[in-house]
Amino acid sequence: MFNQLDIVQRAKMLAVNNLKLITNAAGLQIQGELSRGLDVAQTLGQNVAALPAAGIKARKAIDTLMEYTLSKNPDFVPMTIVFEPNAYNRRDAEFAGKPSQLPYGRYASYVDRDSRGEFRMNAAPNFMLPGDGDFYQIPKNTCKDVLIEPYKAPYEGVGMVWITSVATPVIIDNNLIATINSDLSLNSIQKRIRQLKPFNETGYSVLISSDGTIVASSDKDNASKKWTGNNALKGPAVSEHYDPVLKENAIYAWYPVLIGNSDKPWYFGIIVPVSKVTKAENHELYLAIGLMLLSIILVYTVLCVLFSRKVLRPLEEEPLDTATIALSFA
């Protein structure tokens, strides 16, 4: 009924389907967590953009909105707003040289918490610098949402934290007026991925940023290292290739993690050794075949019983009819 080749092929098919389901479910969860940072930033941007139309021109109103937003998202670290020159109320010159303001008066501030959990507003002077200012430069130049490359930074009362910035442009009437940035701790995502070790811990999972940096992995020591696998393998299709970590052929399943209108996805992947997959799925397949054969036997037995009761017994009671039927067959 089934030869060995059929069994191996069916085993791999089952493994691929299961791997797709697991990868997609975990990838969607990660994407949802990161997208929440974008949702919060976009909502803050809409609220801030509406202030001048409501006749509110005081910069303190922006500070208050930022503090309120951070208070409703305790898992966020700093949030930053950088307005374009004179884009808020055309009063940059009035604030030039004042305390907690940039020398030229442009609004560029971030809010965070001190060791007591109290909010504090700070000037954000580094947004023009390459690297440090990516949260501003990339959405400004592309007019797209972006996940900034992860980095490790000290945070008050917590210690060193892995962080990514979810940045979005605020565009009104086709004009860029500001960029807004939510800094998110990656600790919870890293913890979840470290615990995901499929096929009895013989495989591993990994989250890779758009430039190939390992954001999280089943092996926590790999965080911040460059992905050494084949970048051409990252895509929606499941593939089989030699894996340098497992040192054997493995099945790769990837989920592209995208936020908003960004065109630079991160990738969440699960990699499992072919040998373990085939062994596990062979067991499941043989079990399925056994159950199928058992069901066939049961159906056959039931039909025999019914045939005996409904057909043979009535014929036994009518000898003439039985003889007639036998002669007709003869």
Protein backbone atom coordinates (compact mmCIF):
# COMPACT_ATOMS: atom_id res chain seq x y z
CA MET A 1 0.00 0.00 0.00
CA PHE A 2 2.79 2.44 0.96
CA ASN A 3 6.43 1.93 0.02
CA GLN A 4 9.35 3.45 1.91
CA LEU A 5 9.64 6.39 -0.50
CA ASP A 6 5.99 7.27 0.04
CA ILE A 7 6.49 7.26 3.78
CA VAL A 8 9.55 9.54 3.65
CA GLN A 9 7.85 11.99 1.31
CA ARG A 10 4.70 12.08 3.39
CA ALA A 11 6.76 12.51 6.55
CA LYS A 12 8.52 15.54 5.12
CA MET A 13 5.22 16.98 3.91
CA LEU A 14 3.76 16.67 7.40
CA ALA A 15 6.89 18.24 8.89
CA VAL A 16 6.79 21.17 6.48
CA ASN A 17 3.14 21.87 7.20
CA ASN A 18 3.66 21.71 10.97
CA LEU A 19 6.74 23.90 10.72
CA LYS A 20 4.87 26.50 8.67
CA LEU A 21 2.06 26.65 11.23
CA ILE A 22 4.44 27.03 14.19
CA THR A 23 6.59 29.63 12.43
CA ASN A 24 3.66 31.71 11.21
CA ALA A 25 1.98 31.70 14.62
CA ALA A 26 5.14 32.78 16.45
CA GLY A 27 6.04 35.30 13.73
CA LEU A 28 2.62 36.91 13.87
CA GLN A 29 2.90 37.26 17.63
CA ILE A 30 6.28 39.00 17.33
CA GLN A 31 4.98 41.25 14.55
CA GLY A 32 1.97 42.19 16.66
CA GLU A 33 4.15 43.17 19.61
CA LEU A 34 6.38 45.38 17.46
CA SER A 35 3.41 46.82 15.57
CA ARG A 36 1.89 47.99 18.84
CA GLY A 37 4.82 50.38 19.16
CA LEU A 38 4.00 51.75 15.71
CA ASP A 39 0.30 52.10 16.57
CA VAL A 40 1.14 54.10 19.68
CA ALA A 41 3.58 56.35 17.78
CA GLN A 42 1.09 57.01 14.97
CA THR A 43 -1.69 57.82 17.43
CA LEU A 44 0.60 60.24 19.26
CA GLY A 45 1.52 61.83 15.92
CA GLN A 46 -2.13 62.38 15.00
CA ASN A 47 -2.85 63.93 18.40
CA VAL A 48 0.15 66.25 18.23
CA ALA A 49 -0.64 67.29 14.66
CA ALA A 50 -4.16 68.27 15.73
CA LEU A 51 -2.99 70.67 18.46
CA PRO A 52 -2.41 73.77 16.24
CA ALA A 53 -5.77 73.25 14.52
CA ALA A 54 -7.36 73.31 17.98
CA GLY A 55 -5.63 76.60 18.75
CA ILE A 56 -3.14 74.99 21.17
CA LYS A 57 0.32 76.36 20.45
CA ALA A 58 2.11 75.85 23.76
CA ARG A 59 4.94 73.31 23.56
CA LYS A 60 4.00 72.12 27.02
CA ALA A 61 0.96 70.49 25.44
CA ILE A 62 3.27 68.23 23.39
CA ASP A 63 5.23 67.33 26.52
CA THR A 64 2.02 66.45 28.32
CA LEU A 65 0.83 64.21 25.49
CA MET A 66 4.17 62.41 25.42
CA GLU A 67 4.13 61.83 29.18
CA TYR A 68 0.55 60.59 29.07
CA THR A 69 1.33 58.19 26.22
CA LEU A 70 4.33 56.77 28.05
CA SER A 71 2.27 56.36 31.22
CA LYS A 72 -0.21 54.17 29.32
CA ASN A 73 2.59 52.00 27.92
CA PRO A 74 4.78 51.01 30.87
CA ASP A 75 6.76 48.51 28.78
CA PHE A 76 8.02 51.31 26.52
CA VAL A 77 11.30 53.07 27.17
CA PRO A 78 11.86 56.62 25.84
CA MET A 79 9.59 58.19 23.23
CA THR A 80 10.91 60.94 20.97
CA ILE A 81 9.37 63.63 18.75
CA VAL A 82 11.41 65.68 16.30
CA PHE A 83 9.59 68.45 14.46
CA GLU A 84 10.83 69.91 11.23
CA PRO A 85 12.11 73.52 11.55
CA ASN A 86 9.21 75.83 12.50
CA ALA A 87 6.73 73.07 11.68
CA TYR A 88 4.80 73.24 14.94
CA ASN A 89 3.97 76.89 15.53
CA ARG A 90 6.68 78.80 13.65
CA ARG A 91 8.15 80.01 16.94
CA ASP A 92 11.48 78.17 17.01
CA ALA A 93 13.43 81.43 17.39
CA GLU A 94 11.66 82.21 20.68
CA PHE A 95 13.06 79.02 22.26
CA ALA A 96 16.60 79.26 20.95
CA GLY A 97 19.10 79.10 23.82
CA LYS A 98 16.52 78.40 26.52
CA PRO A 99 17.01 75.58 29.08
CA SER A 100 16.14 72.07 27.83
CA GLN A 101 15.86 73.40 24.27
CA LEU A 102 18.13 73.03 21.28
CA PRO A 103 20.38 76.04 20.53
CA TYR A 104 18.30 77.02 17.50
CA GLY A 105 14.95 76.44 19.20
CA ARG A 106 13.71 73.52 17.12
CA TYR A 107 11.44 71.09 18.97
CA ALA A 108 13.27 67.80 19.42
CA SER A 109 12.58 66.13 22.76
CA TYR A 110 12.22 62.73 24.36
CA VAL A 111 10.51 61.60 27.54
CA ASP A 112 11.70 58.83 29.84
CA ARG A 113 11.48 57.84 33.50
CA ASP A 114 13.93 58.38 36.32
CA SER A 115 14.81 55.81 39.01
CA ARG A 116 11.62 56.70 40.90
CA GLY A 117 9.43 56.27 37.85
CA GLU A 118 8.87 60.00 37.44
CA PHE A 119 8.69 61.42 33.92
CA ARG A 120 11.37 63.78 32.68
CA MET A 121 11.63 65.71 29.42
CA ASN A 122 15.00 65.95 27.70
CA ALA A 123 16.34 67.62 24.59
CA ALA A 124 17.24 65.20 21.78
CA PRO A 125 20.26 66.76 20.06
CA ASN A 126 21.63 63.65 18.30
CA PHE A 127 18.95 63.19 15.67
CA MET A 128 21.17 64.61 12.92
CA LEU A 129 24.03 62.20 13.60
CA PRO A 130 24.53 59.11 11.40
CA GLY A 131 23.63 55.97 13.34
CA ASP A 132 22.33 57.69 16.48
CA GLY A 133 19.89 59.68 14.38
CA ASP A 134 18.55 56.79 12.28
CA PHE A 135 15.22 57.00 14.10
CA TYR A 136 14.81 60.44 12.49
CA GLN A 137 16.86 60.25 9.29
CA ILE A 138 15.35 57.04 7.86
CA PRO A 139 11.63 57.89 8.18
CA LYS A 140 12.39 61.48 7.07
CA ASN A 141 14.22 60.39 3.91
CA THR A 142 11.95 57.47 2.99
CA CYS A 143 8.60 58.66 4.38
CA LYS A 144 8.13 55.09 5.57
CA ASP A 145 7.78 53.36 8.91
CA VAL A 146 10.93 51.64 10.10
CA LEU A 147 12.29 49.19 12.65
CA ILE A 148 15.68 50.52 13.71
CA GLU A 149 18.53 48.06 14.13
CA PRO A 150 18.63 46.73 17.71
CA TYR A 151 21.14 48.03 20.20
CA LYS A 152 21.99 47.60 23.86
CA ALA A 153 21.69 50.59 26.18
CA PRO A 154 21.48 51.29 29.92
CA TYR A 155 18.06 52.13 31.25
CA GLU A 156 17.33 53.74 34.61
CA GLY A 157 16.49 51.17 37.27
CA VAL A 158 16.68 48.22 34.85
CA GLY A 159 20.27 47.99 33.68
CA MET A 160 21.37 47.08 30.16
CA VAL A 161 18.40 46.52 27.85
CA TRP A 162 18.12 45.38 24.26
CA ILE A 163 16.12 48.04 22.42
CA THR A 164 14.69 48.71 19.00
CA SER A 165 13.10 51.93 17.84
CA VAL A 166 9.82 51.94 15.94
CA ALA A 167 9.83 55.20 13.99
CA THR A 168 7.14 56.78 11.82
CA PRO A 169 6.82 60.01 9.84
CA VAL A 170 3.97 62.45 10.49
CA ILE A 171 2.80 63.78 7.12
CA ILE A 172 0.14 66.46 6.73
CA ASP A 173 -0.99 67.56 3.25
CA ASN A 174 1.98 65.72 1.72
CA ASN A 175 4.40 67.64 3.94
CA LEU A 176 6.59 66.04 6.58
CA ILE A 177 6.08 67.89 9.85
CA ALA A 178 7.66 65.51 12.37
CA THR A 179 8.96 62.04 13.11
CA ILE A 180 7.92 60.07 16.17
CA ASN A 181 9.85 57.23 17.73
CA SER A 182 8.89 54.60 20.29
CA ASP A 183 11.76 52.74 21.95
CA LEU A 184 10.78 49.17 22.80
CA SER A 185 12.55 46.72 25.04
CA LEU A 186 13.21 43.43 23.25
CA ASN A 187 13.57 41.43 26.47
CA SER A 188 10.17 39.75 26.30
CA ILE A 189 10.61 38.77 22.64
CA GLN A 190 14.10 37.43 23.32
CA LYS A 191 12.83 35.38 26.25
CA ARG A 192 10.01 33.88 24.17
CA ILE A 193 12.36 32.91 21.33
CA ARG A 194 14.93 31.37 23.69
CA GLN A 195 12.22 29.04 24.96
CA LEU A 196 11.18 27.95 21.48
CA LYS A 197 13.29 24.84 20.73
CA PRO A 198 11.27 22.57 18.42
CA PHE A 199 11.57 18.81 17.97
CA ASN A 200 12.72 18.02 21.49
CA GLU A 201 15.27 20.85 21.49
CA THR A 202 17.07 19.52 18.40
CA GLY A 203 16.14 22.62 16.36
CA TYR A 204 16.39 26.31 17.08
CA SER A 205 14.60 29.59 16.41
CA VAL A 206 16.04 32.98 15.49
CA LEU A 207 14.94 36.57 14.84
CA ILE A 208 17.11 38.50 12.39
CA SER A 209 17.02 42.23 11.69
CA SER A 210 16.96 43.67 8.18
CA ASP A 211 20.75 44.03 8.07
CA GLY A 212 21.38 40.46 9.29
CA THR A 213 21.92 41.07 13.01
CA ILE A 214 20.62 38.32 15.31
CA VAL A 215 18.04 40.02 17.53
CA ALA A 216 17.17 36.87 19.47
CA SER A 217 17.98 33.18 19.30
CA SER A 218 17.50 29.93 21.16
CA ASP A 219 21.14 30.46 22.16
CA LYS A 220 21.12 33.79 23.99
CA ASP A 221 24.86 34.25 23.40
CA ASN A 222 24.17 34.74 19.69
CA ALA A 223 22.26 37.99 20.22
CA SER A 224 23.93 40.92 18.41
CA LYS A 225 26.04 38.62 16.24
CA LYS A 226 25.69 38.51 12.47
CA TRP A 227 23.62 35.73 10.93
CA THR A 228 26.05 33.31 9.29
CA GLY A 229 23.46 31.39 7.31
CA ASN A 230 22.56 31.90 3.69
CA ASN A 231 20.57 35.15 3.39
CA ALA A 232 19.08 33.89 0.13
CA LEU A 233 17.14 31.33 2.17
CA LYS A 234 15.06 33.96 3.94
CA GLY A 235 11.67 34.01 2.33
CA PRO A 236 8.10 32.78 2.70
CA ALA A 237 8.87 29.34 1.26
CA VAL A 238 10.14 26.42 3.31
CA SER A 239 13.48 25.09 2.09
CA GLU A 240 16.01 22.39 2.90
CA HIS A 241 19.73 23.19 3.08
CA TYR A 242 22.87 22.47 5.04
CA ASP A 243 22.87 24.43 8.30
CA PRO A 244 26.22 25.60 9.77
CA VAL A 245 24.80 25.64 13.32
CA LEU A 246 23.32 22.14 13.31
CA LYS A 247 26.10 20.89 10.99
CA GLU A 248 23.65 18.82 8.95
CA ASN A 249 20.85 19.28 6.46
CA ALA A 250 17.96 21.21 7.97
CA ILE A 251 14.50 22.45 7.09
CA TYR A 252 14.15 26.25 7.21
CA ALA A 253 10.85 28.06 7.73
CA TRP A 254 10.75 31.88 7.77
CA TYR A 255 8.17 34.54 8.54
CA PRO A 256 8.83 38.13 7.35
CA VAL A 257 8.13 40.52 10.22
CA LEU A 258 6.89 43.84 8.83
CA ILE A 259 5.40 46.92 10.47
CA GLY A 260 3.26 49.52 8.75
CA ASN A 261 4.46 50.41 5.25
CA SER A 262 8.07 49.44 5.93
CA ASP A 263 9.84 47.65 3.08
CA LYS A 264 12.70 46.32 5.24
CA PRO A 265 11.42 43.25 7.09
CA TRP A 266 12.98 41.42 9.96
CA TYR A 267 12.80 37.64 9.71
CA PHE A 268 11.71 35.10 12.28
CA GLY A 269 12.81 31.57 11.48
CA ILE A 270 12.69 28.03 12.82
CA ILE A 271 15.37 25.60 11.71
CA VAL A 272 15.12 21.88 12.43
CA PRO A 273 17.35 18.93 11.42
CA VAL A 274 15.94 16.76 8.64
CA SER A 275 17.01 13.57 10.41
CA LYS A 276 14.96 14.31 13.53
CA VAL A 277 11.98 15.54 11.55
CA THR A 278 11.84 12.40 9.43
CA LYS A 279 12.15 10.15 12.45
CA ALA A 280 9.37 11.91 14.34
CA GLU A 281 7.04 12.17 11.39
CA ASN A 282 7.65 8.52 10.35
CA HIS A 283 6.30 7.49 13.74
CA GLU A 284 3.23 9.67 13.26
CA LEU A 285 2.73 8.41 9.72
CA TYR A 286 3.02 4.73 10.67
CA LEU A 287 0.51 5.37 13.44
CA ALA A 288 -1.85 7.00 10.93
CA ILE A 289 -1.45 4.07 8.53
CA GLY A 290 -2.11 1.62 11.36
CA LEU A 291 -5.27 3.47 12.34
CA MET A 292 -6.39 3.51 8.72
CA LEU A 293 -5.90 -0.26 8.37
CA LEU A 294 -7.71 -0.84 11.63
CA SER A 295 -10.65 1.25 10.42
CA ILE A 296 -10.76 -0.77 7.17
CA ILE A 297 -10.85 -4.05 9.15
CA LEU A 298 -13.60 -2.73 11.40
CA VAL A 299 -15.71 -1.58 8.43
CA TYR A 300 -15.20 -4.95 6.71
CA THR A 301 -16.25 -6.83 9.86
CA VAL A 302 -19.37 -4.72 10.28
CA LEU A 303 -20.35 -5.24 6.63
CA CYS A 304 -19.88 -9.01 6.96
CA VAL A 305 -22.12 -9.11 10.01
CA LEU A 306 -24.79 -7.06 8.30
CA PHE A 307 -24.59 -9.18 5.16
CA SER A 308 -24.92 -12.32 7.23
CA ARG A 309 -27.97 -11.05 9.10
CA LYS A 310 -29.78 -9.26 6.31
CA VAL A 311 -29.02 -11.48 3.33
CA LEU A 312 -27.84 -14.99 4.23
CA ARG A 313 -30.36 -15.69 6.98
CA PRO A 314 -33.44 -14.77 4.91
CA LEU A 315 -32.12 -16.99 2.10
CA GLU A 316 -31.69 -19.89 4.48
CA GLU A 317 -35.36 -19.59 5.38
CA GLU A 318 -36.44 -19.79 1.72
CA PRO A 319 -34.80 -22.90 0.11
CA LEU A 320 -36.58 -22.45 -3.19
CA ASP A 321 -35.39 -18.86 -3.52
CA THR A 322 -31.90 -19.90 -2.58
CA ALA A 323 -31.85 -22.60 -5.23
CA THR A 324 -33.21 -20.21 -7.84
CA ILE A 325 -30.46 -17.66 -7.07
CA ALA A 326 -27.77 -20.38 -7.16
CA LEU A 327 -29.04 -21.65 -10.53
CA SER A 328 -29.10 -18.14 -11.96
CA PHE A 329 -25.42 -17.67 -11.00
CA ALA A 330 -24.62 -21.09 -12.48
